[in-house]
Amino acid sequence: MQAIVELLKILIPAAAVLYGMYLTIQTFLQKQFEQKEVEIKQKTIEITTPIRLQAYERMTLFLERITPANLLIRLGSPDIQAIDYQRLLLQEIREEFNHNLAQQIYISHESWEKIRGAMNDVVALINTSAAEVSSDATSINLSKKIFEKVINENQQPTADALKALKAEAQKMFL
């Protein structure tokens, strides 16, 4: 019995020391793991921030380019028929959109949906304006009709999407 008591006098302090070492090492390793996680997140942010900003820039440029005033001025061609001009405008919008499709992975779903909505609004504006001009009208008549509709509605179809995109980009710096 005496031997068991002596053995317990040695084993209990040894177990307590061993358990203390275990807790110390576990805490140290947990802190190291958390520090590595923070470093990885920092590197990820350093890499993705410029890419995300570029996506915001590209989508802002897309919205500016499809704004009716900019689109009509950039693609103005007075010597073509309205129907051909309508096709040209719609083709330009589709090409611009397809060129920037990959940018959606860097911006929020809500902003992407607003961008798509703005594009669809511009397409609808062009199509309804084209339907309201005569079949032998020129591109100038179609342009006037589009401008007239924008003025009557008193709002650019891309304005809300631009505002949302800018607000989201500014959140990155807060």
C-alpha atoms as a PDB file:
ATOM      1  CA  MET A   1       0.000   0.000   0.000  1.00  0.00           C
ATOM      2  CA  GLN A   2       2.887   2.290   0.819  1.00  0.00           C
ATOM      3  CA  ALA A   3       4.276   1.717  -2.698  1.00  0.00           C
ATOM      4  CA  ILE A   4       0.999   2.749  -4.294  1.00  0.00           C
ATOM      5  CA  VAL A   5       0.891   5.969  -2.245  1.00  0.00           C
ATOM      6  CA  GLU A   6       4.488   6.759  -3.267  1.00  0.00           C
ATOM      7  CA  LEU A   7       3.669   5.992  -6.887  1.00  0.00           C
ATOM      8  CA  LEU A   8       0.613   8.290  -6.727  1.00  0.00           C
ATOM      9  CA  LYS A   9       2.764  11.048  -5.173  1.00  0.00           C
ATOM     10  CA  ILE A  10       4.904  10.884  -8.308  1.00  0.00           C
ATOM     11  CA  LEU A  11       2.204  10.240 -10.910  1.00  0.00           C
ATOM     12  CA  ILE A  12      -0.325  12.925  -9.837  1.00  0.00           C
ATOM     13  CA  PRO A  13       2.118  15.853 -10.055  1.00  0.00           C
ATOM     14  CA  ALA A  14       3.570  14.399 -13.250  1.00  0.00           C
ATOM     15  CA  ALA A  15       0.061  14.101 -14.758  1.00  0.00           C
ATOM     16  CA  ALA A  16      -0.742  17.670 -13.693  1.00  0.00           C
ATOM     17  CA  VAL A  17       2.485  18.937 -15.289  1.00  0.00           C
ATOM     18  CA  LEU A  18       1.823  16.879 -18.404  1.00  0.00           C
ATOM     19  CA  TYR A  19      -1.760  18.228 -18.637  1.00  0.00           C
ATOM     20  CA  GLY A  20      -0.469  21.777 -18.145  1.00  0.00           C
ATOM     21  CA  MET A  21       2.066  21.260 -20.950  1.00  0.00           C
ATOM     22  CA  TYR A  22      -0.693  19.847 -23.157  1.00  0.00           C
ATOM     23  CA  LEU A  23      -2.879  22.944 -22.580  1.00  0.00           C
ATOM     24  CA  THR A  24       0.063  25.290 -23.172  1.00  0.00           C
ATOM     25  CA  ILE A  25       1.036  23.597 -26.438  1.00  0.00           C
ATOM     26  CA  GLN A  26      -2.584  23.425 -27.585  1.00  0.00           C
ATOM     27  CA  THR A  27      -3.069  27.154 -26.910  1.00  0.00           C
ATOM     28  CA  PHE A  28       0.203  27.990 -28.668  1.00  0.00           C
ATOM     29  CA  LEU A  29      -0.702  25.904 -31.717  1.00  0.00           C
ATOM     30  CA  GLN A  30      -4.209  27.404 -31.847  1.00  0.00           C
ATOM     31  CA  LYS A  31      -2.761  30.928 -31.817  1.00  0.00           C
ATOM     32  CA  GLN A  32      -0.264  29.971 -34.532  1.00  0.00           C
ATOM     33  CA  PHE A  33      -3.101  28.541 -36.631  1.00  0.00           C
ATOM     34  CA  GLU A  34      -5.194  31.688 -36.179  1.00  0.00           C
ATOM     35  CA  GLN A  35      -2.195  33.865 -37.072  1.00  0.00           C
ATOM     36  CA  LYS A  36      -1.618  31.881 -40.269  1.00  0.00           C
ATOM     37  CA  GLU A  37      -5.315  32.226 -41.137  1.00  0.00           C
ATOM     38  CA  VAL A  38      -5.080  35.996 -40.697  1.00  0.00           C
ATOM     39  CA  GLU A  39      -1.956  36.113 -42.889  1.00  0.00           C
ATOM     40  CA  ILE A  40      -3.679  34.090 -45.603  1.00  0.00           C
ATOM     41  CA  LYS A  41      -6.730  36.356 -45.488  1.00  0.00           C
ATOM     42  CA  GLN A  42      -4.479  39.423 -45.715  1.00  0.00           C
ATOM     43  CA  LYS A  43      -2.686  38.008 -48.765  1.00  0.00           C
ATOM     44  CA  THR A  44      -6.009  37.132 -50.349  1.00  0.00           C
ATOM     45  CA  ILE A  45      -7.264  40.655 -49.775  1.00  0.00           C
ATOM     46  CA  GLU A  46      -4.044  42.105 -51.194  1.00  0.00           C
ATOM     47  CA  ILE A  47      -4.481  40.019 -54.324  1.00  0.00           C
ATOM     48  CA  THR A  48      -8.236  40.363 -54.822  1.00  0.00           C
ATOM     49  CA  THR A  49      -8.684  44.042 -53.986  1.00  0.00           C
ATOM     50  CA  PRO A  50      -7.078  45.312 -57.205  1.00  0.00           C
ATOM     51  CA  ILE A  51      -9.003  42.728 -59.216  1.00  0.00           C
ATOM     52  CA  ARG A  52     -12.290  43.700 -57.565  1.00  0.00           C
ATOM     53  CA  LEU A  53     -11.593  47.385 -58.165  1.00  0.00           C
ATOM     54  CA  GLN A  54     -10.876  46.617 -61.790  1.00  0.00           C
ATOM     55  CA  ALA A  55     -14.219  44.802 -62.015  1.00  0.00           C
ATOM     56  CA  TYR A  56     -16.007  47.834 -60.556  1.00  0.00           C
ATOM     57  CA  GLU A  57     -14.187  50.065 -63.050  1.00  0.00           C
ATOM     58  CA  ARG A  58     -15.063  47.837 -65.981  1.00  0.00           C
ATOM     59  CA  MET A  59     -18.713  47.576 -65.019  1.00  0.00           C
ATOM     60  CA  THR A  60     -18.897  51.335 -64.480  1.00  0.00           C
ATOM     61  CA  LEU A  61     -17.404  51.801 -67.934  1.00  0.00           C
ATOM     62  CA  PHE A  62     -19.930  49.313 -69.344  1.00  0.00           C
ATOM     63  CA  LEU A  63     -22.830  51.226 -67.813  1.00  0.00           C
ATOM     64  CA  GLU A  64     -21.458  54.544 -69.048  1.00  0.00           C
ATOM     65  CA  ARG A  65     -20.967  53.142 -72.538  1.00  0.00           C
ATOM     66  CA  ILE A  66     -24.541  51.837 -72.774  1.00  0.00           C
ATOM     67  CA  THR A  67     -26.103  55.009 -71.392  1.00  0.00           C
ATOM     68  CA  PRO A  68     -28.315  56.106 -74.296  1.00  0.00           C
ATOM     69  CA  ALA A  69     -26.651  59.495 -74.786  1.00  0.00           C
ATOM     70  CA  ASN A  70     -23.149  58.008 -74.904  1.00  0.00           C
ATOM     71  CA  LEU A  71     -24.237  55.043 -77.005  1.00  0.00           C
ATOM     72  CA  LEU A  72     -26.010  57.177 -79.584  1.00  0.00           C
ATOM     73  CA  ILE A  73     -23.167  59.679 -79.865  1.00  0.00           C
ATOM     74  CA  ARG A  74     -20.504  56.967 -80.127  1.00  0.00           C
ATOM     75  CA  LEU A  75     -22.382  54.968 -82.761  1.00  0.00           C
ATOM     76  CA  GLY A  76     -24.026  57.861 -84.587  1.00  0.00           C
ATOM     77  CA  SER A  77     -24.350  57.232 -88.298  1.00  0.00           C
ATOM     78  CA  PRO A  78     -26.876  59.489 -90.057  1.00  0.00           C
ATOM     79  CA  ASP A  79     -26.860  57.617 -93.362  1.00  0.00           C
ATOM     80  CA  ILE A  80     -28.398  54.303 -92.243  1.00  0.00           C
ATOM     81  CA  GLN A  81     -31.953  53.179 -91.708  1.00  0.00           C
ATOM     82  CA  ALA A  82     -33.461  53.107 -88.233  1.00  0.00           C
ATOM     83  CA  ILE A  83     -33.829  49.313 -88.251  1.00  0.00           C
ATOM     84  CA  ASP A  84     -30.146  48.861 -89.073  1.00  0.00           C
ATOM     85  CA  TYR A  85     -29.214  51.403 -86.428  1.00  0.00           C
ATOM     86  CA  GLN A  86     -31.352  49.542 -83.901  1.00  0.00           C
ATOM     87  CA  ARG A  87     -29.476  46.314 -84.730  1.00  0.00           C
ATOM     88  CA  LEU A  88     -26.147  48.115 -84.431  1.00  0.00           C
ATOM     89  CA  LEU A  89     -27.051  49.541 -81.018  1.00  0.00           C
ATOM     90  CA  LEU A  90     -28.290  46.198 -79.699  1.00  0.00           C
ATOM     91  CA  GLN A  91     -25.250  44.377 -81.064  1.00  0.00           C
ATOM     92  CA  GLU A  92     -22.945  46.871 -79.367  1.00  0.00           C
ATOM     93  CA  ILE A  93     -24.727  46.405 -76.038  1.00  0.00           C
ATOM     94  CA  ARG A  94     -24.564  42.603 -76.313  1.00  0.00           C
ATOM     95  CA  GLU A  95     -20.866  42.661 -77.211  1.00  0.00           C
ATOM     96  CA  GLU A  96     -20.044  44.996 -74.333  1.00  0.00           C
ATOM     97  CA  PHE A  97     -22.025  42.830 -71.919  1.00  0.00           C
ATOM     98  CA  ASN A  98     -20.477  39.563 -73.135  1.00  0.00           C
ATOM     99  CA  HIS A  99     -17.015  41.107 -72.888  1.00  0.00           C
ATOM    100  CA  ASN A 100     -17.622  41.850 -69.203  1.00  0.00           C
ATOM    101  CA  LEU A 101     -19.516  38.726 -68.115  1.00  0.00           C
ATOM    102  CA  ALA A 102     -16.665  37.394 -65.971  1.00  0.00           C
ATOM    103  CA  GLN A 103     -16.722  40.494 -63.791  1.00  0.00           C
ATOM    104  CA  GLN A 104     -19.814  39.215 -61.994  1.00  0.00           C
ATOM    105  CA  ILE A 105     -17.687  36.994 -59.747  1.00  0.00           C
ATOM    106  CA  TYR A 106     -16.059  40.055 -58.190  1.00  0.00           C
ATOM    107  CA  ILE A 107     -19.180  42.088 -57.445  1.00  0.00           C
ATOM    108  CA  SER A 108     -22.259  41.330 -55.380  1.00  0.00           C
ATOM    109  CA  HIS A 109     -25.247  39.520 -56.805  1.00  0.00           C
ATOM    110  CA  GLU A 110     -27.452  42.553 -56.151  1.00  0.00           C
ATOM    111  CA  SER A 111     -25.167  44.879 -58.115  1.00  0.00           C
ATOM    112  CA  TRP A 112     -24.902  42.385 -60.955  1.00  0.00           C
ATOM    113  CA  GLU A 113     -28.681  42.123 -61.147  1.00  0.00           C
ATOM    114  CA  LYS A 114     -28.964  45.926 -61.233  1.00  0.00           C
ATOM    115  CA  ILE A 115     -26.428  46.020 -64.067  1.00  0.00           C
ATOM    116  CA  ARG A 116     -28.378  43.397 -65.995  1.00  0.00           C
ATOM    117  CA  GLY A 117     -31.595  45.286 -65.298  1.00  0.00           C
ATOM    118  CA  ALA A 118     -30.067  48.523 -66.577  1.00  0.00           C
ATOM    119  CA  MET A 119     -28.900  46.782 -69.730  1.00  0.00           C
ATOM    120  CA  ASN A 120     -32.365  45.307 -70.262  1.00  0.00           C
ATOM    121  CA  ASP A 121     -33.910  48.741 -69.710  1.00  0.00           C
ATOM    122  CA  VAL A 122     -31.666  50.262 -72.370  1.00  0.00           C
ATOM    123  CA  VAL A 123     -32.505  47.428 -74.780  1.00  0.00           C
ATOM    124  CA  ALA A 124     -36.220  47.908 -74.085  1.00  0.00           C
ATOM    125  CA  LEU A 125     -35.862  51.668 -74.599  1.00  0.00           C
ATOM    126  CA  ILE A 126     -34.214  51.111 -77.983  1.00  0.00           C
ATOM    127  CA  ASN A 127     -36.760  48.514 -79.053  1.00  0.00           C
ATOM    128  CA  THR A 128     -39.828  50.533 -78.011  1.00  0.00           C
ATOM    129  CA  SER A 129     -38.400  53.647 -79.656  1.00  0.00           C
ATOM    130  CA  ALA A 130     -37.712  51.702 -82.846  1.00  0.00           C
ATOM    131  CA  ALA A 131     -41.283  50.405 -82.826  1.00  0.00           C
ATOM    132  CA  GLU A 132     -42.589  53.968 -82.624  1.00  0.00           C
ATOM    133  CA  VAL A 133     -40.730  55.305 -85.669  1.00  0.00           C
ATOM    134  CA  SER A 134     -41.793  54.604 -89.237  1.00  0.00           C
ATOM    135  CA  SER A 135     -40.218  51.749 -91.164  1.00  0.00           C
ATOM    136  CA  ASP A 136     -38.422  54.127 -93.536  1.00  0.00           C
ATOM    137  CA  ALA A 137     -37.054  56.363 -90.752  1.00  0.00           C
ATOM    138  CA  THR A 138     -33.380  57.175 -90.484  1.00  0.00           C
ATOM    139  CA  SER A 139     -31.055  56.630 -87.567  1.00  0.00           C
ATOM    140  CA  ILE A 140     -31.451  60.298 -86.657  1.00  0.00           C
ATOM    141  CA  ASN A 141     -35.211  59.809 -86.196  1.00  0.00           C
ATOM    142  CA  LEU A 142     -34.561  56.814 -83.964  1.00  0.00           C
ATOM    143  CA  SER A 143     -31.972  58.760 -81.957  1.00  0.00           C
ATOM    144  CA  LYS A 144     -34.410  61.626 -81.478  1.00  0.00           C
ATOM    145  CA  LYS A 145     -37.110  59.219 -80.312  1.00  0.00           C
ATOM    146  CA  ILE A 146     -34.717  57.597 -77.807  1.00  0.00           C
ATOM    147  CA  PHE A 147     -33.616  60.985 -76.467  1.00  0.00           C
ATOM    148  CA  GLU A 148     -37.244  62.062 -76.250  1.00  0.00           C
ATOM    149  CA  LYS A 149     -38.146  59.009 -74.167  1.00  0.00           C
ATOM    150  CA  VAL A 150     -35.173  59.539 -71.824  1.00  0.00           C
ATOM    151  CA  ILE A 151     -36.147  63.180 -71.346  1.00  0.00           C
ATOM    152  CA  ASN A 152     -39.820  62.326 -70.757  1.00  0.00           C
ATOM    153  CA  GLU A 153     -38.919  59.669 -68.170  1.00  0.00           C
ATOM    154  CA  ASN A 154     -36.463  62.144 -66.609  1.00  0.00           C
ATOM    155  CA  GLN A 155     -34.051  59.378 -65.622  1.00  0.00           C
ATOM    156  CA  GLN A 156     -31.233  57.495 -67.270  1.00  0.00           C
ATOM    157  CA  PRO A 157     -31.872  53.726 -67.365  1.00  0.00           C
ATOM    158  CA  THR A 158     -28.349  53.113 -66.026  1.00  0.00           C
ATOM    159  CA  ALA A 159     -28.422  55.636 -63.165  1.00  0.00           C
ATOM    160  CA  ASP A 160     -29.585  53.295 -60.383  1.00  0.00           C
ATOM    161  CA  ALA A 161     -27.111  50.580 -61.328  1.00  0.00           C
ATOM    162  CA  LEU A 162     -24.266  53.097 -61.416  1.00  0.00           C
ATOM    163  CA  LYS A 163     -25.246  54.431 -58.012  1.00  0.00           C
ATOM    164  CA  ALA A 164     -25.368  50.915 -56.501  1.00  0.00           C
ATOM    165  CA  LEU A 165     -22.048  49.961 -58.075  1.00  0.00           C
ATOM    166  CA  LYS A 166     -20.318  53.069 -56.754  1.00  0.00           C
ATOM    167  CA  ALA A 167     -21.744  52.532 -53.269  1.00  0.00           C
ATOM    168  CA  GLU A 168     -20.540  48.934 -53.238  1.00  0.00           C
ATOM    169  CA  ALA A 169     -17.066  49.919 -54.400  1.00  0.00           C
ATOM    170  CA  GLN A 170     -16.847  52.596 -51.704  1.00  0.00           C
ATOM    171  CA  LYS A 171     -17.669  50.017 -49.029  1.00  0.00           C
ATOM    172  CA  MET A 172     -14.329  48.366 -49.759  1.00  0.00           C
ATOM    173  CA  PHE A 173     -12.556  51.378 -48.279  1.00  0.00           C
ATOM    174  CA  LEU A 174     -14.543  51.738 -45.074  1.00  0.00           C
END
